């Protein structure tokens, strides 16, 4: 089995994606904890917690898809 060597820019890109995924995971977990502790907040007019959560999940999905695409094309 041949092992490929990654270039410095590829490694930097992987590390940056990893940091961004860690940040998104942290934000998602923080928001989940907030919603579990105070579920009534979601029912208040003007609350955007679920919208923020959806946006974070979409960003995570897109970033993960980008990672997979980069791995397949590399």
PDB file of N, CA and C in Angstrom:
ATOM      1  N   UNK A   1       0.841  -1.186   0.000  1.00  0.00           N
ATOM      2  CA  UNK A   1       0.000   0.000   0.000  1.00  0.00           C
ATOM      3  C   UNK A   1       0.884   1.247   0.000  1.00  0.00           C
ATOM      4  N   UNK A   2       0.713   2.078  -0.992  1.00  0.00           N
ATOM      5  CA  UNK A   2       1.524   3.285  -1.136  1.00  0.00           C
ATOM      6  C   UNK A   2       0.972   4.388  -0.234  1.00  0.00           C
ATOM      7  N   UNK A   3       1.876   5.034   0.478  1.00  0.00           N
ATOM      8  CA  UNK A   3       1.473   6.111   1.373  1.00  0.00           C
ATOM      9  C   UNK A   3       1.872   7.442   0.749  1.00  0.00           C
ATOM     10  N   UNK A   4       0.891   8.353   0.641  1.00  0.00           N
ATOM     11  CA  UNK A   4       1.158   9.659   0.040  1.00  0.00           C
ATOM     12  C   UNK A   4       1.655  10.630   1.101  1.00  0.00           C
ATOM     13  N   UNK A   5       2.533  11.524   0.676  1.00  0.00           N
ATOM     14  CA  UNK A   5       3.033  12.566   1.548  1.00  0.00           C
ATOM     15  C   UNK A   5       2.250  13.835   1.273  1.00  0.00           C
ATOM     16  N   UNK A   6       1.802  14.468   2.339  1.00  0.00           N
ATOM     17  CA  UNK A   6       1.036  15.710   2.194  1.00  0.00           C
ATOM     18  C   UNK A   6       1.985  16.898   2.145  1.00  0.00           C
ATOM     19  N   UNK A   7       1.620  17.882   1.350  1.00  0.00           N
ATOM     20  CA  UNK A   7       2.413  19.103   1.281  1.00  0.00           C
ATOM     21  C   UNK A   7       2.073  19.988   2.475  1.00  0.00           C
ATOM     22  N   UNK A   8       2.927  20.954   2.727  1.00  0.00           N
ATOM     23  CA  UNK A   8       2.689  21.888   3.835  1.00  0.00           C
ATOM     24  C   UNK A   8       1.356  22.622   3.702  1.00  0.00           C
ATOM     25  N   UNK A   9       0.994  23.117   2.505  1.00  0.00           N
ATOM     26  CA  UNK A   9      -0.315  23.779   2.371  1.00  0.00           C
ATOM     27  C   UNK A   9      -1.481  22.826   2.651  1.00  0.00           C
ATOM     28  N   UNK A  10      -1.347  21.564   2.260  1.00  0.00           N
ATOM     29  CA  UNK A  10      -2.409  20.584   2.529  1.00  0.00           C
ATOM     30  C   UNK A  10      -2.552  20.340   4.027  1.00  0.00           C
ATOM     31  N   UNK A  11      -1.436  20.220   4.707  1.00  0.00           N
ATOM     32  CA  UNK A  11      -1.452  20.021   6.156  1.00  0.00           C
ATOM     33  C   UNK A  11      -2.055  21.236   6.844  1.00  0.00           C
ATOM     34  N   UNK A  12      -1.667  22.420   6.413  1.00  0.00           N
ATOM     35  CA  UNK A  12      -2.207  23.657   6.991  1.00  0.00           C
ATOM     36  C   UNK A  12      -3.716  23.731   6.786  1.00  0.00           C
ATOM     37  N   UNK A  13      -4.180  23.324   5.617  1.00  0.00           N
ATOM     38  CA  UNK A  13      -5.610  23.341   5.321  1.00  0.00           C
ATOM     39  C   UNK A  13      -6.364  22.361   6.209  1.00  0.00           C
ATOM     40  N   UNK A  14      -5.816  21.173   6.396  1.00  0.00           N
ATOM     41  CA  UNK A  14      -6.443  20.169   7.255  1.00  0.00           C
ATOM     42  C   UNK A  14      -6.517  20.676   8.692  1.00  0.00           C
ATOM     43  N   UNK A  15      -5.435  21.270   9.164  1.00  0.00           N
ATOM     44  CA  UNK A  15      -5.419  21.804  10.536  1.00  0.00           C
ATOM     45  C   UNK A  15      -6.428  22.937  10.702  1.00  0.00           C
ATOM     46  N   UNK A  16      -6.533  23.798   9.711  1.00  0.00           N
ATOM     47  CA  UNK A  16      -7.490  24.909   9.775  1.00  0.00           C
ATOM     48  C   UNK A  16      -8.919  24.370   9.790  1.00  0.00           C
ATOM     49  N   UNK A  17      -9.211  23.390   8.933  1.00  0.00           N
ATOM     50  CA  UNK A  17     -10.548  22.779   8.929  1.00  0.00           C
ATOM     51  C   UNK A  17     -10.850  22.118  10.261  1.00  0.00           C
ATOM     52  N   UNK A  18      -9.854  21.467  10.825  1.00  0.00           N
ATOM     53  CA  UNK A  18     -10.026  20.799  12.114  1.00  0.00           C
ATOM     54  C   UNK A  18     -10.334  21.804  13.216  1.00  0.00           C
ATOM     55  N   UNK A  19      -9.618  22.914  13.209  1.00  0.00           N
ATOM     56  CA  UNK A  19      -9.875  23.968  14.213  1.00  0.00           C
ATOM     57  C   UNK A  19     -11.275  24.544  14.050  1.00  0.00           C
ATOM     58  N   UNK A  20     -11.687  24.749  12.806  1.00  0.00           N
ATOM     59  CA  UNK A  20     -13.013  25.297  12.547  1.00  0.00           C
ATOM     60  C   UNK A  20     -14.104  24.304  12.965  1.00  0.00           C
ATOM     61  N   UNK A  21     -13.901  23.020  12.685  1.00  0.00           N
ATOM     62  CA  UNK A  21     -14.865  22.010  13.126  1.00  0.00           C
ATOM     63  C   UNK A  21     -14.933  21.941  14.652  1.00  0.00           C
ATOM     64  N   UNK A  22     -13.798  22.067  15.320  1.00  0.00           N
ATOM     65  CA  UNK A  22     -13.777  22.092  16.787  1.00  0.00           C
ATOM     66  C   UNK A  22     -14.561  23.296  17.316  1.00  0.00           C
ATOM     67  N   UNK A  23     -14.372  24.449  16.681  1.00  0.00           N
ATOM     68  CA  UNK A  23     -15.090  25.656  17.101  1.00  0.00           C
ATOM     69  C   UNK A  23     -16.592  25.482  16.915  1.00  0.00           C
ATOM     70  N   UNK A  24     -16.987  24.939  15.755  1.00  0.00           N
ATOM     71  CA  UNK A  24     -18.411  24.720  15.488  1.00  0.00           C
ATOM     72  C   UNK A  24     -19.007  23.729  16.481  1.00  0.00           C
ATOM     73  N   UNK A  25     -18.275  22.660  16.770  1.00  0.00           N
ATOM     74  CA  UNK A  25     -18.751  21.664  17.737  1.00  0.00           C
ATOM     75  C   UNK A  25     -18.934  22.293  19.107  1.00  0.00           C
ATOM     76  N   UNK A  26     -17.988  23.120  19.517  1.00  0.00           N
ATOM     77  CA  UNK A  26     -18.085  23.814  20.799  1.00  0.00           C
ATOM     78  C   UNK A  26     -19.326  24.704  20.834  1.00  0.00           C
ATOM     79  N   UNK A  27     -19.543  25.480  19.782  1.00  0.00           N
ATOM     80  CA  UNK A  27     -20.699  26.378  19.720  1.00  0.00           C
ATOM     81  C   UNK A  27     -22.018  25.604  19.726  1.00  0.00           C
ATOM     82  N   UNK A  28     -22.063  24.493  18.979  1.00  0.00           N
ATOM     83  CA  UNK A  28     -23.272  23.659  18.937  1.00  0.00           C
ATOM     84  C   UNK A  28     -23.557  23.094  20.330  1.00  0.00           C
ATOM     85  N   UNK A  29     -22.531  22.559  20.981  1.00  0.00           N
ATOM     86  CA  UNK A  29     -22.712  21.995  22.322  1.00  0.00           C
ATOM     87  C   UNK A  29     -23.155  23.045  23.322  1.00  0.00           C
ATOM     88  N   UNK A  30     -22.579  24.232  23.225  1.00  0.00           N
ATOM     89  CA  UNK A  30     -22.947  25.328  24.124  1.00  0.00           C
ATOM     90  C   UNK A  30     -24.420  25.701  23.942  1.00  0.00           C
ATOM     91  N   UNK A  31     -24.847  25.781  22.707  1.00  0.00           N
ATOM     92  CA  UNK A  31     -26.235  26.133  22.410  1.00  0.00           C
ATOM     93  C   UNK A  31     -27.189  25.022  22.852  1.00  0.00           C
ATOM     94  N   UNK A  32     -26.790  23.776  22.656  1.00  0.00           N
ATOM     95  CA  UNK A  32     -27.611  22.649  23.118  1.00  0.00           C
ATOM     96  C   UNK A  32     -27.807  22.705  24.632  1.00  0.00           C
ATOM     97  N   UNK A  33     -26.722  22.961  25.357  1.00  0.00           N
ATOM     98  CA  UNK A  33     -26.808  23.046  26.820  1.00  0.00           C
ATOM     99  C   UNK A  33     -27.743  24.169  27.247  1.00  0.00           C
ATOM    100  N   UNK A  34     -27.638  25.314  26.567  1.00  0.00           N
ATOM    101  CA  UNK A  34     -28.506  26.451  26.880  1.00  0.00           C
ATOM    102  C   UNK A  34     -29.974  26.080  26.650  1.00  0.00           C
ATOM    103  N   UNK A  35     -30.255  25.420  25.530  1.00  0.00           N
ATOM    104  CA  UNK A  35     -31.628  25.050  25.206  1.00  0.00           C
ATOM    105  C   UNK A  35     -32.164  23.970  26.145  1.00  0.00           C
ATOM    106  N   UNK A  36     -31.302  23.074  26.579  1.00  0.00           N
ATOM    107  CA  UNK A  36     -31.733  22.042  27.527  1.00  0.00           C
ATOM    108  C   UNK A  36     -32.027  22.648  28.892  1.00  0.00           C
ATOM    109  N   UNK A  37     -31.237  23.638  29.276  1.00  0.00           N
ATOM    110  CA  UNK A  37     -31.417  24.267  30.583  1.00  0.00           C
ATOM    111  C   UNK A  37     -32.633  25.184  30.612  1.00  0.00           C
ATOM    112  N   UNK A  38     -32.902  25.846  29.484  1.00  0.00           N
ATOM    113  CA  UNK A  38     -34.024  26.796  29.434  1.00  0.00           C
ATOM    114  C   UNK A  38     -34.793  26.625  28.126  1.00  0.00           C
ATOM    115  N   UNK A  39     -35.526  25.520  27.984  1.00  0.00           N
ATOM    116  CA  UNK A  39     -36.251  25.280  26.727  1.00  0.00           C
ATOM    117  C   UNK A  39     -37.334  26.315  26.434  1.00  0.00           C
ATOM    118  N   UNK A  40     -37.809  26.984  27.468  1.00  0.00           N
ATOM    119  CA  UNK A  40     -38.847  27.999  27.260  1.00  0.00           C
ATOM    120  C   UNK A  40     -38.354  29.195  26.461  1.00  0.00           C
ATOM    121  N   UNK A  41     -37.050  29.387  26.389  1.00  0.00           N
ATOM    122  CA  UNK A  41     -36.464  30.499  25.642  1.00  0.00           C
ATOM    123  C   UNK A  41     -36.857  30.424  24.170  1.00  0.00           C
ATOM    124  N   UNK A  42     -36.916  29.223  23.632  1.00  0.00           N
ATOM    125  CA  UNK A  42     -37.207  29.019  22.209  1.00  0.00           C
ATOM    126  C   UNK A  42     -38.589  29.555  21.850  1.00  0.00           C
ATOM    127  N   UNK A  43     -39.504  29.500  22.799  1.00  0.00           N
ATOM    128  CA  UNK A  43     -40.876  29.920  22.529  1.00  0.00           C
ATOM    129  C   UNK A  43     -41.063  31.437  22.604  1.00  0.00           C
ATOM    130  N   UNK A  44     -40.067  32.151  23.074  1.00  0.00           N
ATOM    131  CA  UNK A  44     -40.183  33.602  23.186  1.00  0.00           C
ATOM    132  C   UNK A  44     -40.046  34.250  21.811  1.00  0.00           C
ATOM    133  N   UNK A  45     -40.877  35.257  21.558  1.00  0.00           N
ATOM    134  CA  UNK A  45     -40.765  35.974  20.280  1.00  0.00           C
ATOM    135  C   UNK A  45     -39.378  36.607  20.124  1.00  0.00           C
ATOM    136  N   UNK A  46     -38.836  36.490  18.941  1.00  0.00           N
ATOM    137  CA  UNK A  46     -37.537  37.112  18.663  1.00  0.00           C
ATOM    138  C   UNK A  46     -36.346  36.242  18.993  1.00  0.00           C
ATOM    139  N   UNK A  47     -36.579  35.077  19.614  1.00  0.00           N
ATOM    140  CA  UNK A  47     -35.452  34.207  19.927  1.00  0.00           C
ATOM    141  C   UNK A  47     -34.953  33.536  18.646  1.00  0.00           C
ATOM    142  N   UNK A  48     -33.666  33.542  18.473  1.00  0.00           N
ATOM    143  CA  UNK A  48     -33.093  32.968  17.242  1.00  0.00           C
ATOM    144  C   UNK A  48     -32.208  31.758  17.531  1.00  0.00           C
ATOM    145  N   UNK A  49     -32.399  31.130  18.692  1.00  0.00           N
ATOM    146  CA  UNK A  49     -31.545  30.000  19.074  1.00  0.00           C
ATOM    147  C   UNK A  49     -31.594  28.866  18.069  1.00  0.00           C
ATOM    148  N   UNK A  50     -32.802  28.471  17.643  1.00  0.00           N
ATOM    149  CA  UNK A  50     -32.903  27.365  16.697  1.00  0.00           C
ATOM    150  C   UNK A  50     -32.321  27.732  15.336  1.00  0.00           C
ATOM    151  N   UNK A  51     -32.483  28.979  14.945  1.00  0.00           N
ATOM    152  CA  UNK A  51     -31.910  29.438  13.680  1.00  0.00           C
ATOM    153  C   UNK A  51     -30.381  29.406  13.749  1.00  0.00           C
ATOM    154  N   UNK A  52     -29.823  29.836  14.873  1.00  0.00           N
ATOM    155  CA  UNK A  52     -28.365  29.794  15.055  1.00  0.00           C
ATOM    156  C   UNK A  52     -27.862  28.361  15.026  1.00  0.00           C
ATOM    157  N   UNK A  53     -28.607  27.468  15.698  1.00  0.00           N
ATOM    158  CA  UNK A  53     -28.222  26.069  15.742  1.00  0.00           C
ATOM    159  C   UNK A  53     -28.233  25.465  14.335  1.00  0.00           C
ATOM    160  N   UNK A  54     -29.264  25.769  13.581  1.00  0.00           N
ATOM    161  CA  UNK A  54     -29.363  25.268  12.211  1.00  0.00           C
ATOM    162  C   UNK A  54     -28.185  25.771  11.372  1.00  0.00           C
ATOM    163  N   UNK A  55     -27.855  27.042  11.514  1.00  0.00           N
ATOM    164  CA  UNK A  55     -26.741  27.634  10.770  1.00  0.00           C
ATOM    165  C   UNK A  55     -25.421  26.938  11.122  1.00  0.00           C
ATOM    166  N   UNK A  56     -25.205  26.668  12.415  1.00  0.00           N
ATOM    167  CA  UNK A  56     -23.983  25.989  12.836  1.00  0.00           C
ATOM    168  C   UNK A  56     -23.905  24.580  12.253  1.00  0.00           C
ATOM    169  N   UNK A  57     -25.037  23.861  12.260  1.00  0.00           N
ATOM    170  CA  UNK A  57     -25.058  22.523  11.678  1.00  0.00           C
ATOM    171  C   UNK A  57     -24.765  22.566  10.173  1.00  0.00           C
ATOM    172  N   UNK A  58     -25.316  23.538   9.487  1.00  0.00           N
ATOM    173  CA  UNK A  58     -25.068  23.673   8.046  1.00  0.00           C
ATOM    174  C   UNK A  58     -23.594  23.968   7.782  1.00  0.00           C
ATOM    175  N   UNK A  59     -23.017  24.868   8.585  1.00  0.00           N
ATOM    176  CA  UNK A  59     -21.596  25.180   8.422  1.00  0.00           C
ATOM    177  C   UNK A  59     -20.734  23.935   8.651  1.00  0.00           C
ATOM    178  N   UNK A  60     -21.077  23.167   9.677  1.00  0.00           N
ATOM    179  CA  UNK A  60     -20.341  21.935   9.961  1.00  0.00           C
ATOM    180  C   UNK A  60     -20.462  20.930   8.829  1.00  0.00           C
ATOM    181  N   UNK A  61     -21.678  20.776   8.296  1.00  0.00           N
ATOM    182  CA  UNK A  61     -21.913  19.855   7.183  1.00  0.00           C
ATOM    183  C   UNK A  61     -21.096  20.281   5.965  1.00  0.00           C
ATOM    184  N   UNK A  62     -21.139  21.578   5.655  1.00  0.00           N
ATOM    185  CA  UNK A  62     -20.407  22.082   4.495  1.00  0.00           C
ATOM    186  C   UNK A  62     -18.901  21.910   4.660  1.00  0.00           C
ATOM    187  N   UNK A  63     -18.407  22.180   5.849  1.00  0.00           N
ATOM    188  CA  UNK A  63     -16.975  22.042   6.106  1.00  0.00           C
ATOM    189  C   UNK A  63     -16.552  20.575   6.027  1.00  0.00           C
ATOM    190  N   UNK A  64     -17.371  19.680   6.558  1.00  0.00           N
ATOM    191  CA  UNK A  64     -17.070  18.250   6.477  1.00  0.00           C
ATOM    192  C   UNK A  64     -17.101  17.779   5.028  1.00  0.00           C
ATOM    193  N   UNK A  65     -18.060  18.260   4.255  1.00  0.00           N
ATOM    194  CA  UNK A  65     -18.142  17.908   2.842  1.00  0.00           C
ATOM    195  C   UNK A  65     -16.939  18.400   2.079  1.00  0.00           C
ATOM    196  N   UNK A  66     -16.468  19.580   2.430  1.00  0.00           N
ATOM    197  CA  UNK A  66     -15.276  20.149   1.791  1.00  0.00           C
ATOM    198  C   UNK A  66     -14.058  19.292   2.094  1.00  0.00           C
ATOM    199  N   UNK A  67     -13.961  18.811   3.345  1.00  0.00           N
ATOM    200  CA  UNK A  67     -12.844  17.958   3.750  1.00  0.00           C
ATOM    201  C   UNK A  67     -12.844  16.659   2.954  1.00  0.00           C
ATOM    202  N   UNK A  68     -14.019  16.050   2.820  1.00  0.00           N
ATOM    203  CA  UNK A  68     -14.129  14.791   2.082  1.00  0.00           C
ATOM    204  C   UNK A  68     -13.774  15.005   0.617  1.00  0.00           C
ATOM    205  N   UNK A  69     -14.259  16.103   0.021  1.00  0.00           N
ATOM    206  CA  UNK A  69     -13.961  16.405  -1.363  1.00  0.00           C
ATOM    207  C   UNK A  69     -12.460  16.582  -1.568  1.00  0.00           C
ATOM    208  N   UNK A  70     -11.811  17.291  -0.643  1.00  0.00           N
ATOM    209  CA  UNK A  70     -10.365  17.500  -0.737  1.00  0.00           C
ATOM    210  C   UNK A  70      -9.610  16.193  -0.633  1.00  0.00           C
ATOM    211  N   UNK A  71     -10.072  15.291   0.240  1.00  0.00           N
ATOM    212  CA  UNK A  71      -9.401  14.000   0.395  1.00  0.00           C
ATOM    213  C   UNK A  71      -9.551  13.158  -0.859  1.00  0.00           C
ATOM    214  N   UNK A  72     -10.734  13.198  -1.469  1.00  0.00           N
ATOM    215  CA  UNK A  72     -10.975  12.398  -2.658  1.00  0.00           C
ATOM    216  C   UNK A  72     -10.206  12.927  -3.865  1.00  0.00           C
ATOM    217  N   UNK A  73     -10.050  14.246  -3.943  1.00  0.00           N
ATOM    218  CA  UNK A  73      -9.371  14.825  -5.096  1.00  0.00           C
ATOM    219  C   UNK A  73      -7.853  14.803  -4.928  1.00  0.00           C
ATOM    220  N   UNK A  74      -7.388  14.594  -3.679  1.00  0.00           N
ATOM    221  CA  UNK A  74      -5.942  14.631  -3.401  1.00  0.00           C
ATOM    222  C   UNK A  74      -5.246  13.397  -3.677  1.00  0.00           C
TER     223      UNK A  74
END
